[in-house]
PDB file of N, CA and C in Angstrom:
ATOM      1  N   MET A   1       0.976  29.094 -40.459  1.00  0.00           N
ATOM      2  CA  MET A   1       1.742  28.743 -39.296  1.00  0.00           C
ATOM      3  C   MET A   1       2.952  27.657 -39.721  1.00  0.00           C
ATOM      4  N   MET A   2       3.678  28.045 -38.929  1.00  0.00           N
ATOM      5  CA  MET A   2       4.883  26.671 -39.315  1.00  0.00           C
ATOM      6  C   MET A   2       4.534  25.664 -38.254  1.00  0.00           C
ATOM      7  N   GLN A   3       4.647  24.342 -38.509  1.00  0.00           N
ATOM      8  CA  GLN A   3       4.770  23.229 -37.612  1.00  0.00           C
ATOM      9  C   GLN A   3       6.170  22.917 -37.018  1.00  0.00           C
ATOM     10  N   ARG A   4       6.035  22.579 -35.863  1.00  0.00           N
ATOM     11  CA  ARG A   4       7.696  22.312 -34.964  1.00  0.00           C
ATOM     12  C   ARG A   4       7.470  20.717 -35.270  1.00  0.00           C
ATOM     13  N   PRO A   5       8.701  20.147 -35.476  1.00  0.00           N
ATOM     14  CA  PRO A   5       8.891  18.664 -35.342  1.00  0.00           C
ATOM     15  C   PRO A   5       8.954  18.237 -34.187  1.00  0.00           C
ATOM     16  N   VAL A   6       8.539  16.780 -34.383  1.00  0.00           N
ATOM     17  CA  VAL A   6       8.079  15.744 -33.198  1.00  0.00           C
ATOM     18  C   VAL A   6       9.432  15.783 -32.852  1.00  0.00           C
ATOM     19  N   LYS A   7       9.731  15.587 -31.413  1.00  0.00           N
ATOM     20  CA  LYS A   7      10.768  15.223 -30.941  1.00  0.00           C
ATOM     21  C   LYS A   7      11.077  13.238 -30.711  1.00  0.00           C
ATOM     22  N   LYS A   8      12.191  13.135 -31.182  1.00  0.00           N
ATOM     23  CA  LYS A   8      12.105  11.643 -30.783  1.00  0.00           C
ATOM     24  C   LYS A   8      13.079  11.206 -29.685  1.00  0.00           C
ATOM     25  N   ASN A   9      12.873   9.728 -29.219  1.00  0.00           N
ATOM     26  CA  ASN A   9      13.346   9.603 -28.544  1.00  0.00           C
ATOM     27  C   ASN A   9      13.215   9.444 -26.899  1.00  0.00           C
ATOM     28  N   ILE A  10      11.837  10.290 -26.603  1.00  0.00           N
ATOM     29  CA  ILE A  10      12.035  11.227 -25.452  1.00  0.00           C
ATOM     30  C   ILE A  10      11.267  10.625 -24.557  1.00  0.00           C
ATOM     31  N   HIS A  11      10.560   9.479 -24.827  1.00  0.00           N
ATOM     32  CA  HIS A  11       9.538   8.312 -24.044  1.00  0.00           C
ATOM     33  C   HIS A  11      10.603   7.677 -23.358  1.00  0.00           C
ATOM     34  N   PRO A  12      10.330   7.183 -21.786  1.00  0.00           N
ATOM     35  CA  PRO A  12      11.181   5.652 -21.331  1.00  0.00           C
ATOM     36  C   PRO A  12      10.494   4.213 -22.196  1.00  0.00           C
ATOM     37  N   LYS A  13      11.224   3.642 -22.274  1.00  0.00           N
ATOM     38  CA  LYS A  13      11.071   2.242 -23.054  1.00  0.00           C
ATOM     39  C   LYS A  13      10.089   1.575 -22.304  1.00  0.00           C
ATOM     40  N   TYR A  14       9.090   0.820 -22.956  1.00  0.00           N
ATOM     41  CA  TYR A  14       8.110   0.196 -22.272  1.00  0.00           C
ATOM     42  C   TYR A  14       8.202  -1.460 -22.357  1.00  0.00           C
ATOM     43  N   HIS A  15       8.301  -2.148 -21.610  1.00  0.00           N
ATOM     44  CA  HIS A  15       8.651  -3.590 -21.509  1.00  0.00           C
ATOM     45  C   HIS A  15       7.786  -4.341 -20.560  1.00  0.00           C
ATOM     46  N   THR A  16       8.188  -5.807 -20.638  1.00  0.00           N
ATOM     47  CA  THR A  16       7.638  -6.589 -19.926  1.00  0.00           C
ATOM     48  C   THR A  16       8.238  -6.869 -18.349  1.00  0.00           C
ATOM     49  N   ILE A  17       7.573  -6.722 -17.564  1.00  0.00           N
ATOM     50  CA  ILE A  17       8.514  -7.291 -16.054  1.00  0.00           C
ATOM     51  C   ILE A  17       7.771  -8.358 -15.455  1.00  0.00           C
ATOM     52  N   THR A  18       8.692  -9.006 -14.264  1.00  0.00           N
ATOM     53  CA  THR A  18       7.492  -9.608 -13.152  1.00  0.00           C
ATOM     54  C   THR A  18       7.027  -9.142 -12.279  1.00  0.00           C
ATOM     55  N   VAL A  19       6.207  -9.349 -11.621  1.00  0.00           N
ATOM     56  CA  VAL A  19       5.641  -8.444 -10.245  1.00  0.00           C
ATOM     57  C   VAL A  19       5.213  -9.657  -9.529  1.00  0.00           C
ATOM     58  N   VAL A  20       6.053  -9.896  -8.148  1.00  0.00           N
ATOM     59  CA  VAL A  20       5.683 -11.092  -7.192  1.00  0.00           C
ATOM     60  C   VAL A  20       5.531 -10.029  -6.080  1.00  0.00           C
ATOM     61  N   MET A  21       4.372 -10.748  -5.849  1.00  0.00           N
ATOM     62  CA  MET A  21       3.256 -10.393  -4.487  1.00  0.00           C
ATOM     63  C   MET A  21       4.033 -10.518  -3.254  1.00  0.00           C
ATOM     64  N   THR A  22       3.522 -10.379  -2.143  1.00  0.00           N
ATOM     65  CA  THR A  22       4.120 -10.829  -0.929  1.00  0.00           C
ATOM     66  C   THR A  22       3.526 -12.209  -0.500  1.00  0.00           C
ATOM     67  N   ASP A  23       2.682 -12.245  -1.067  1.00  0.00           N
ATOM     68  CA  ASP A  23       2.571 -14.017  -0.754  1.00  0.00           C
ATOM     69  C   ASP A  23       3.206 -14.920  -1.625  1.00  0.00           C
ATOM     70  N   GLY A  24       3.688 -14.440  -2.939  1.00  0.00           N
ATOM     71  CA  GLY A  24       4.630 -15.397  -3.641  1.00  0.00           C
ATOM     72  C   GLY A  24       4.111 -15.308  -4.931  1.00  0.00           C
ATOM     73  N   GLU A  25       2.348 -14.872  -4.880  1.00  0.00           N
ATOM     74  CA  GLU A  25       1.851 -15.212  -6.246  1.00  0.00           C
ATOM     75  C   GLU A  25       2.473 -14.098  -7.353  1.00  0.00           C
ATOM     76  N   GLU A  26       2.937 -14.430  -8.574  1.00  0.00           N
ATOM     77  CA  GLU A  26       3.675 -14.048  -9.515  1.00  0.00           C
ATOM     78  C   GLU A  26       2.912 -13.628 -10.975  1.00  0.00           C
ATOM     79  N   PHE A  27       2.977 -12.673 -11.467  1.00  0.00           N
ATOM     80  CA  PHE A  27       2.239 -12.073 -12.702  1.00  0.00           C
ATOM     81  C   PHE A  27       3.280 -11.302 -13.576  1.00  0.00           C
ATOM     82  N   THR A  28       2.872 -11.443 -14.956  1.00  0.00           N
ATOM     83  CA  THR A  28       4.104 -10.344 -15.716  1.00  0.00           C
ATOM     84  C   THR A  28       3.159  -9.583 -16.121  1.00  0.00           C
ATOM     85  N   THR A  29       3.366  -8.197 -16.428  1.00  0.00           N
ATOM     86  CA  THR A  29       2.836  -7.007 -16.594  1.00  0.00           C
ATOM     87  C   THR A  29       3.565  -6.179 -17.798  1.00  0.00           C
ATOM     88  N   ARG A  30       3.512  -4.885 -18.104  1.00  0.00           N
ATOM     89  CA  ARG A  30       4.291  -4.193 -19.017  1.00  0.00           C
ATOM     90  C   ARG A  30       4.430  -2.619 -18.112  1.00  0.00           C
ATOM     91  N   SER A  31       5.686  -2.460 -18.160  1.00  0.00           N
ATOM     92  CA  SER A  31       6.328  -1.190 -17.323  1.00  0.00           C
ATOM     93  C   SER A  31       7.342  -0.524 -17.666  1.00  0.00           C
ATOM     94  N   THR A  32       7.272   0.581 -17.270  1.00  0.00           N
ATOM     95  CA  THR A  32       8.394   1.814 -17.942  1.00  0.00           C
ATOM     96  C   THR A  32       9.846   1.381 -16.743  1.00  0.00           C
ATOM     97  N   TRP A  33       9.589   0.535 -15.567  1.00  0.00           N
ATOM     98  CA  TRP A  33      10.315   0.531 -14.349  1.00  0.00           C
ATOM     99  C   TRP A  33      11.508  -0.786 -14.354  1.00  0.00           C
ATOM    100  N   GLY A  34      12.508  -0.428 -14.587  1.00  0.00           N
ATOM    101  CA  GLY A  34      13.689  -1.337 -14.148  1.00  0.00           C
ATOM    102  C   GLY A  34      13.939  -2.035 -16.306  1.00  0.00           C
ATOM    103  N   LYS A  35      14.445  -2.958 -16.113  1.00  0.00           N
ATOM    104  CA  LYS A  35      14.729  -3.278 -17.579  1.00  0.00           C
ATOM    105  C   LYS A  35      13.916  -4.604 -17.759  1.00  0.00           C
ATOM    106  N   GLU A  36      14.068  -4.973 -19.353  1.00  0.00           N
ATOM    107  CA  GLU A  36      13.150  -6.204 -19.574  1.00  0.00           C
ATOM    108  C   GLU A  36      13.463  -7.379 -18.999  1.00  0.00           C
ATOM    109  N   GLY A  37      12.584  -8.213 -18.367  1.00  0.00           N
ATOM    110  CA  GLY A  37      12.678  -9.258 -17.625  1.00  0.00           C
ATOM    111  C   GLY A  37      13.169  -9.053 -15.933  1.00  0.00           C
ATOM    112  N   ALA A  38      13.076  -7.854 -15.396  1.00  0.00           N
ATOM    113  CA  ALA A  38      12.998  -7.745 -14.318  1.00  0.00           C
ATOM    114  C   ALA A  38      11.932  -8.128 -13.586  1.00  0.00           C
ATOM    115  N   VAL A  39      12.382  -8.555 -12.305  1.00  0.00           N
ATOM    116  CA  VAL A  39      11.505  -9.091 -11.239  1.00  0.00           C
ATOM    117  C   VAL A  39      11.346  -7.990  -9.970  1.00  0.00           C
ATOM    118  N   MET A  40      10.139  -7.625  -9.850  1.00  0.00           N
ATOM    119  CA  MET A  40       9.970  -6.327  -9.076  1.00  0.00           C
ATOM    120  C   MET A  40       9.264  -7.405  -7.924  1.00  0.00           C
ATOM    121  N   ARG A  41       9.440  -7.177  -6.665  1.00  0.00           N
ATOM    122  CA  ARG A  41       9.469  -7.880  -5.394  1.00  0.00           C
ATOM    123  C   ARG A  41       8.532  -6.320  -4.644  1.00  0.00           C
ATOM    124  N   LEU A  42       7.263  -6.957  -4.329  1.00  0.00           N
ATOM    125  CA  LEU A  42       6.279  -5.660  -3.313  1.00  0.00           C
ATOM    126  C   LEU A  42       6.527  -6.283  -1.793  1.00  0.00           C
ATOM    127  N   ASP A  43       6.588  -4.813  -1.164  1.00  0.00           N
ATOM    128  CA  ASP A  43       6.643  -4.972   0.158  1.00  0.00           C
ATOM    129  C   ASP A  43       5.040  -4.970   0.748  1.00  0.00           C
ATOM    130  N   THR A  44       4.449  -4.496  -0.121  1.00  0.00           N
ATOM    131  CA  THR A  44       2.620  -4.464   0.568  1.00  0.00           C
ATOM    132  C   THR A  44       1.959  -4.589  -0.848  1.00  0.00           C
ATOM    133  N   ASP A  45       0.911  -4.938  -0.915  1.00  0.00           N
ATOM    134  CA  ASP A  45       0.461  -5.130  -2.024  1.00  0.00           C
ATOM    135  C   ASP A  45      -1.252  -5.087  -1.726  1.00  0.00           C
ATOM    136  N   PRO A  46      -2.548  -5.101  -2.557  1.00  0.00           N
ATOM    137  CA  PRO A  46      -3.770  -4.901  -2.282  1.00  0.00           C
ATOM    138  C   PRO A  46      -4.176  -6.182  -1.136  1.00  0.00           C
ATOM    139  N   LYS A  47      -3.582  -7.160  -1.146  1.00  0.00           N
ATOM    140  CA  LYS A  47      -4.341  -8.356  -0.234  1.00  0.00           C
ATOM    141  C   LYS A  47      -3.603  -8.050   1.148  1.00  0.00           C
ATOM    142  N   THR A  48      -2.685  -7.495   1.692  1.00  0.00           N
ATOM    143  CA  THR A  48      -2.116  -7.054   2.739  1.00  0.00           C
ATOM    144  C   THR A  48      -2.343  -5.847   3.219  1.00  0.00           C
ATOM    145  N   HIS A  49      -2.633  -4.649   2.414  1.00  0.00           N
ATOM    146  CA  HIS A  49      -2.465  -3.663   3.006  1.00  0.00           C
ATOM    147  C   HIS A  49      -3.911  -2.767   3.710  1.00  0.00           C
ATOM    148  N   VAL A  50      -3.717  -2.075   4.615  1.00  0.00           N
ATOM    149  CA  VAL A  50      -4.941  -1.308   5.299  1.00  0.00           C
ATOM    150  C   VAL A  50      -6.007  -0.735   3.965  1.00  0.00           C
ATOM    151  N   ALA A  51      -5.353  -0.287   3.541  1.00  0.00           N
ATOM    152  CA  ALA A  51      -6.104   0.843   2.355  1.00  0.00           C
ATOM    153  C   ALA A  51      -6.854   0.025   1.555  1.00  0.00           C
ATOM    154  N   TRP A  52      -7.059  -1.292   1.128  1.00  0.00           N
ATOM    155  CA  TRP A  52      -7.478  -2.166   0.745  1.00  0.00           C
ATOM    156  C   TRP A  52      -8.477  -3.228   1.355  1.00  0.00           C
ATOM    157  N   THR A  53      -8.081  -3.649   2.580  1.00  0.00           N
ATOM    158  CA  THR A  53      -8.107  -4.557   3.455  1.00  0.00           C
ATOM    159  C   THR A  53      -9.322  -4.060   4.435  1.00  0.00           C
ATOM    160  N   LYS A  54      -9.138  -2.706   4.702  1.00  0.00           N
ATOM    161  CA  LYS A  54     -10.096  -2.297   5.732  1.00  0.00           C
ATOM    162  C   LYS A  54     -10.339  -2.933   7.171  1.00  0.00           C
ATOM    163  N   THR A  55      -8.922  -3.543   7.587  1.00  0.00           N
ATOM    164  CA  THR A  55      -8.731  -4.198   9.422  1.00  0.00           C
ATOM    165  C   THR A  55      -7.827  -3.432   9.567  1.00  0.00           C
ATOM    166  N   GLN A  56      -7.530  -2.062   9.774  1.00  0.00           N
ATOM    167  CA  GLN A  56      -6.513  -1.355  10.363  1.00  0.00           C
ATOM    168  C   GLN A  56      -7.002  -1.466  11.980  1.00  0.00           C
ATOM    169  N   THR A  57      -5.918  -1.773  12.827  1.00  0.00           N
ATOM    170  CA  THR A  57      -6.206  -1.923  14.191  1.00  0.00           C
ATOM    171  C   THR A  57      -5.667  -0.338  14.772  1.00  0.00           C
ATOM    172  N   PHE A  58      -6.350   0.237  15.856  1.00  0.00           N
ATOM    173  CA  PHE A  58      -5.786   1.103  16.395  1.00  0.00           C
ATOM    174  C   PHE A  58      -5.627   1.109  18.049  1.00  0.00           C
ATOM    175  N   VAL A  59      -4.536   1.409  18.370  1.00  0.00           N
ATOM    176  CA  VAL A  59      -3.956   1.139  19.325  1.00  0.00           C
ATOM    177  C   VAL A  59      -4.611   2.470  20.122  1.00  0.00           C
ATOM    178  N   LYS A  60      -5.157   2.320  21.385  1.00  0.00           N
ATOM    179  CA  LYS A  60      -5.241   3.622  21.935  1.00  0.00           C
ATOM    180  C   LYS A  60      -4.017   4.029  22.695  1.00  0.00           C
ATOM    181  N   ARG A  61      -3.542   5.211  22.734  1.00  0.00           N
ATOM    182  CA  ARG A  61      -2.624   5.915  23.272  1.00  0.00           C
ATOM    183  C   ARG A  61      -2.650   7.518  23.564  1.00  0.00           C
ATOM    184  N   GLY A  62      -4.183   7.851  23.413  1.00  0.00           N
ATOM    185  CA  GLY A  62      -4.352   9.216  23.868  1.00  0.00           C
ATOM    186  C   GLY A  62      -4.550   9.288  25.114  1.00  0.00           C
ATOM    187  N   ARG A  63      -4.886  10.530  25.708  1.00  0.00           N
ATOM    188  CA  ARG A  63      -5.401  11.118  26.751  1.00  0.00           C
ATOM    189  C   ARG A  63      -6.203  10.350  27.632  1.00  0.00           C
ATOM    190  N   VAL A  64      -7.293  10.220  27.142  1.00  0.00           N
ATOM    191  CA  VAL A  64      -8.621   9.311  27.564  1.00  0.00           C
ATOM    192  C   VAL A  64      -8.089   7.903  28.008  1.00  0.00           C
ATOM    193  N   ALA A  65      -7.415   7.421  27.125  1.00  0.00           N
ATOM    194  CA  ALA A  65      -7.139   5.819  27.114  1.00  0.00           C
ATOM    195  C   ALA A  65      -5.608   6.001  28.499  1.00  0.00           C
ATOM    196  N   LYS A  66      -5.290   6.799  28.344  1.00  0.00           N
ATOM    197  CA  LYS A  66      -4.176   6.640  29.680  1.00  0.00           C
ATOM    198  C   LYS A  66      -4.768   7.008  30.703  1.00  0.00           C
ATOM    199  N   PHE A  67      -5.836   7.771  30.915  1.00  0.00           N
ATOM    200  CA  PHE A  67      -6.321   8.154  31.962  1.00  0.00           C
ATOM    201  C   PHE A  67      -7.089   6.846  32.497  1.00  0.00           C
ATOM    202  N   ASN A  68      -8.058   5.851  31.450  1.00  0.00           N
ATOM    203  CA  ASN A  68      -8.601   5.002  31.753  1.00  0.00           C
ATOM    204  C   ASN A  68      -7.880   3.718  32.407  1.00  0.00           C
ATOM    205  N   ASN A  69      -6.769   3.780  31.863  1.00  0.00           N
ATOM    206  CA  ASN A  69      -5.772   2.788  32.068  1.00  0.00           C
ATOM    207  C   ASN A  69      -5.193   2.988  33.590  1.00  0.00           C
ATOM    208  N   ARG A  70      -5.244   4.299  34.104  1.00  0.00           N
ATOM    209  CA  ARG A  70      -4.173   4.512  35.092  1.00  0.00           C
ATOM    210  C   ARG A  70      -5.453   4.354  36.342  1.00  0.00           C
ATOM    211  N   PHE A  71      -6.420   4.371  35.863  1.00  0.00           N
ATOM    212  CA  PHE A  71      -7.582   4.399  37.224  1.00  0.00           C
ATOM    213  C   PHE A  71      -8.734   3.171  36.712  1.00  0.00           C
ATOM    214  N   ASP A  72      -8.379   2.155  35.912  1.00  0.00           N
ATOM    215  CA  ASP A  72      -9.029   1.016  35.628  1.00  0.00           C
ATOM    216  C   ASP A  72     -10.265   1.199  35.336  1.00  0.00           C
ATOM    217  N   LEU A  73     -10.665   2.826  34.543  1.00  0.00           N
ATOM    218  CA  LEU A  73     -12.212   2.820  34.351  1.00  0.00           C
ATOM    219  C   LEU A  73     -12.358   1.582  33.096  1.00  0.00           C
ATOM    220  N   GLY A  74     -11.347   1.179  32.072  1.00  0.00           N
ATOM    221  CA  GLY A  74     -11.611   0.563  31.124  1.00  0.00           C
ATOM    222  C   GLY A  74     -12.522  -0.859  31.429  1.00  0.00           C
ATOM    223  N   LYS A  75     -12.365  -1.324  32.547  1.00  0.00           N
ATOM    224  CA  LYS A  75     -13.053  -2.505  33.402  1.00  0.00           C
ATOM    225  C   LYS A  75     -14.038  -2.343  33.661  1.00  0.00           C
ATOM    226  N   PHE A  76     -14.916  -1.380  33.564  1.00  0.00           N
ATOM    227  CA  PHE A  76     -16.467  -1.346  33.856  1.00  0.00           C
ATOM    228  C   PHE A  76     -17.231  -1.432  32.832  1.00  0.00           C
ATOM    229  N   SER A  77     -18.318  -1.946  33.283  1.00  0.00           N
ATOM    230  CA  SER A  77     -19.494  -1.957  31.903  1.00  0.00           C
ATOM    231  C   SER A  77     -20.535  -0.963  32.030  1.00  0.00           C
ATOM    232  N   VAL A  78     -21.242  -0.747  31.492  1.00  0.00           N
ATOM    233  CA  VAL A  78     -22.692   0.149  31.263  1.00  0.00           C
ATOM    234  C   VAL A  78     -24.136  -0.805  31.874  1.00  0.00           C
ATOM    235  N   PRO A  79     -24.319  -0.443  32.846  1.00  0.00           N
ATOM    236  CA  PRO A  79     -25.190  -1.618  33.535  1.00  0.00           C
ATOM    237  C   PRO A  79     -26.364  -1.442  32.382  1.00  0.00           C
ATOM    238  N   THR A  80     -27.194  -2.709  31.671  1.00  0.00           N
ATOM    239  CA  THR A  80     -28.417  -2.541  31.165  1.00  0.00           C
ATOM    240  C   THR A  80     -29.680  -2.519  31.801  1.00  0.00           C
ATOM    241  N   LEU A  81     -30.560  -1.600  31.290  1.00  0.00           N
ATOM    242  CA  LEU A  81     -31.856  -1.524  31.983  1.00  0.00           C
ATOM    243  C   LEU A  81     -33.108  -2.602  31.522  1.00  0.00           C
TER     244      LEU A  81
END
């Protein structure tokens, strides 16, 4: 069985970049993104994104919410026994 020669220069260059978080914190990492010494500024990061913070707020806009708002039913409370 004959072996094929390995292809050369097919992988992207791996170099160091600086990542700037939304709060201004910086760290250096290695990446194939950009060029050597590039700065990546994040719009969202684990400190602010709801997928990691679990602080998602829900806006009530469905049919039930519209009905309750229309007839002011959201202001009533359930009496306790």
